[in-house]
Protein backbone atom coordinates (compact mmCIF):
# COMPACT_ATOMS: atom_id res chain seq x y z
CA UNK A 1 0.00 0.00 0.00
CA UNK A 2 2.85 2.37 0.83
CA UNK A 3 4.40 1.73 -2.59
CA UNK A 4 1.17 2.69 -4.33
CA UNK A 5 0.93 5.95 -2.39
CA UNK A 6 4.53 6.84 -3.23
CA UNK A 7 3.97 5.92 -6.87
CA UNK A 8 0.88 8.13 -7.11
CA UNK A 9 2.67 11.04 -5.41
CA UNK A 10 5.67 10.62 -7.70
CA UNK A 11 3.45 10.64 -10.78
CA UNK A 12 1.65 13.76 -9.57
CA UNK A 13 4.88 15.68 -9.01
CA UNK A 14 6.60 14.36 -12.12
CA UNK A 15 3.68 15.28 -14.35
CA UNK A 16 3.21 18.81 -12.98
CA UNK A 17 5.09 20.45 -15.86
CA UNK A 18 3.14 18.34 -18.35
CA UNK A 19 -0.27 19.47 -17.16
CA UNK A 20 0.66 23.05 -16.43
CA UNK A 21 -1.33 25.33 -18.65
CA UNK A 22 -0.01 28.48 -20.17
CA UNK A 23 -1.00 31.73 -18.52
CA UNK A 24 -1.36 35.25 -19.88
CA UNK A 25 -0.30 38.35 -17.98
CA UNK A 26 -1.23 41.83 -19.21
CA UNK A 27 1.18 44.37 -17.70
CA UNK A 28 -1.23 47.18 -18.63
CA UNK A 29 -3.83 46.04 -16.09
CA UNK A 30 -3.91 46.02 -12.31
CA UNK A 31 -2.14 44.63 -10.30
CA UNK A 32 0.53 43.98 -12.93
CA UNK A 33 0.83 47.65 -13.93
CA UNK A 34 2.34 48.25 -10.47
CA UNK A 35 5.28 45.85 -10.99
CA UNK A 36 8.28 48.19 -11.13
CA UNK A 37 10.64 46.04 -13.28
CA UNK A 38 7.96 45.78 -15.99
CA UNK A 39 7.15 49.48 -16.26
CA UNK A 40 8.25 50.91 -19.57
CA UNK A 41 9.65 47.59 -20.84
CA UNK A 42 8.91 46.19 -24.29
CA UNK A 43 10.31 43.64 -26.71
CA UNK A 44 12.94 46.11 -27.91
CA UNK A 45 14.65 46.25 -24.52
CA UNK A 46 17.71 44.27 -23.42
CA UNK A 47 17.25 40.59 -22.62
CA UNK A 48 18.09 41.02 -18.92
CA UNK A 49 15.52 43.81 -18.53
CA UNK A 50 12.83 41.65 -20.13
CA UNK A 51 13.77 38.71 -17.89
CA UNK A 52 13.50 40.97 -14.82
CA UNK A 53 10.10 42.19 -16.05
CA UNK A 54 8.91 38.62 -16.66
CA UNK A 55 10.15 37.48 -13.27
CA UNK A 56 8.41 40.38 -11.53
CA UNK A 57 5.15 39.74 -13.39
CA UNK A 58 5.24 36.01 -12.60
CA UNK A 59 5.95 36.92 -8.98
CA UNK A 60 2.86 39.15 -8.90
CA UNK A 61 0.82 36.34 -10.47
CA UNK A 62 2.01 33.97 -7.74
CA UNK A 63 1.21 36.58 -5.10
CA UNK A 64 -2.37 36.90 -6.29
CA UNK A 65 -3.04 33.26 -7.28
CA UNK A 66 -0.89 31.28 -4.84
CA UNK A 67 2.76 30.38 -4.57
CA UNK A 68 2.38 27.12 -6.50
CA UNK A 69 0.16 28.55 -9.25
CA UNK A 70 3.03 28.73 -11.78
CA UNK A 71 4.98 25.45 -11.76
CA UNK A 72 8.18 24.74 -13.66
CA UNK A 73 7.44 24.29 -17.35
CA UNK A 74 4.63 26.83 -17.52
CA UNK A 75 4.57 29.02 -20.62
CA UNK A 76 3.72 32.62 -19.73
CA UNK A 77 2.54 35.08 -22.38
CA UNK A 78 3.33 38.64 -21.32
CA UNK A 79 1.70 41.69 -22.88
CA UNK A 80 3.89 44.68 -22.06
CA UNK A 81 2.55 48.18 -21.37
CA UNK A 82 3.30 49.25 -24.94
CA UNK A 83 1.18 46.37 -26.31
CA UNK A 84 4.07 44.20 -27.48
CA UNK A 85 3.99 40.52 -26.50
CA UNK A 86 6.48 37.82 -25.62
CA UNK A 87 6.41 34.28 -24.26
CA UNK A 88 8.51 33.00 -21.36
CA UNK A 89 9.14 29.57 -19.90
CA UNK A 90 9.36 29.07 -16.14
CA UNK A 91 12.53 27.01 -15.65
CA UNK A 92 12.88 27.03 -11.84
CA UNK A 93 11.04 28.26 -8.77
CA UNK A 94 13.68 30.32 -6.97
CA UNK A 95 16.33 32.45 -8.63
CA UNK A 96 17.02 35.50 -10.75
CA UNK A 97 16.80 33.73 -14.11
CA UNK A 98 13.88 31.36 -13.46
CA UNK A 99 11.89 32.92 -16.30
CA UNK A 100 13.46 32.64 -19.75
CA UNK A 101 12.21 34.23 -22.97
CA UNK A 102 11.25 31.84 -25.75
CA UNK A 103 13.09 32.69 -28.96
CA UNK A 104 11.10 34.12 -31.86
CA UNK A 105 7.89 34.69 -29.85
CA UNK A 106 8.22 38.47 -29.66
CA UNK A 107 5.35 40.37 -31.30
CA UNK A 108 5.40 44.13 -31.86
CA UNK A 109 2.56 46.25 -30.56
CA UNK A 110 -0.50 46.45 -32.79
CA UNK A 111 -0.35 49.32 -35.23
CA UNK A 112 -2.58 52.29 -34.71
CA UNK A 113 -1.88 53.61 -31.28
CA UNK A 114 -0.45 50.92 -29.07
CA UNK A 115 -2.21 49.07 -26.32
CA UNK A 116 -3.30 51.92 -24.09
CA UNK A 117 -3.00 52.03 -20.36
CA UNK A 118 0.76 52.28 -20.28
CA UNK A 119 1.32 55.36 -22.37
CA UNK A 120 0.78 58.95 -21.48
CA UNK A 121 3.15 60.77 -19.27
CA UNK A 122 4.35 64.30 -19.59
CA UNK A 123 6.68 65.63 -22.23
CA UNK A 124 10.19 66.42 -21.03
CA UNK A 125 10.23 69.60 -19.00
CA UNK A 126 12.56 72.21 -20.32
CA UNK A 127 12.11 75.34 -18.23
CA UNK A 128 12.82 78.61 -19.98
CA UNK A 129 16.20 80.11 -19.21
CA UNK A 130 16.11 83.47 -17.45
CA UNK A 131 17.30 86.45 -19.47
CA UNK A 132 20.84 87.59 -18.76
CA UNK A 133 21.16 90.30 -16.18
CA UNK A 134 20.94 90.93 -12.49
CA UNK A 135 18.81 88.79 -10.14
CA UNK A 136 17.96 89.10 -6.49
CA UNK A 137 18.10 92.05 -4.14
CA UNK A 138 21.67 93.18 -4.78
CA UNK A 139 22.83 93.86 -8.29
CA UNK A 140 26.36 94.76 -9.17
CA UNK A 141 29.37 93.97 -7.05
CA UNK A 142 29.31 92.19 -3.73
CA UNK A 143 31.46 93.52 -0.91
CA UNK A 144 32.31 91.35 2.06
CA UNK A 145 33.16 92.79 5.43
CA UNK A 146 35.82 91.06 7.46
CA UNK A 147 35.62 91.27 11.24
């Protein structure tokens, strides 16, 4: 009887990657739009930045759905704030590189305005320069008194 229990448990744990479904995470929507490493990231960014974004988004998914909700072998489709998409594979449970991008799965944002939600922002602020001249209460030379 003990052998059967161990065999069933082994089969359950060994088949976890096989039955794990793919998940989709949209970084434009709450709570994923609050994940700092994923803000402003898209498929055109460096590999390490995209891995950090994917790891942060998977971490938020695990926070909201349970620690074991994304087992090893899960394929995660990420939609970045700019509307571009990419797929990742979960390769381990603990570590900095436990989420790896899948080659040739990157998709540019849809044409015609992006995905919304992540855009906006203010244009760069370039304050006007003051005109040359004298500013403040004392114009001209400054004299210092020594005690």
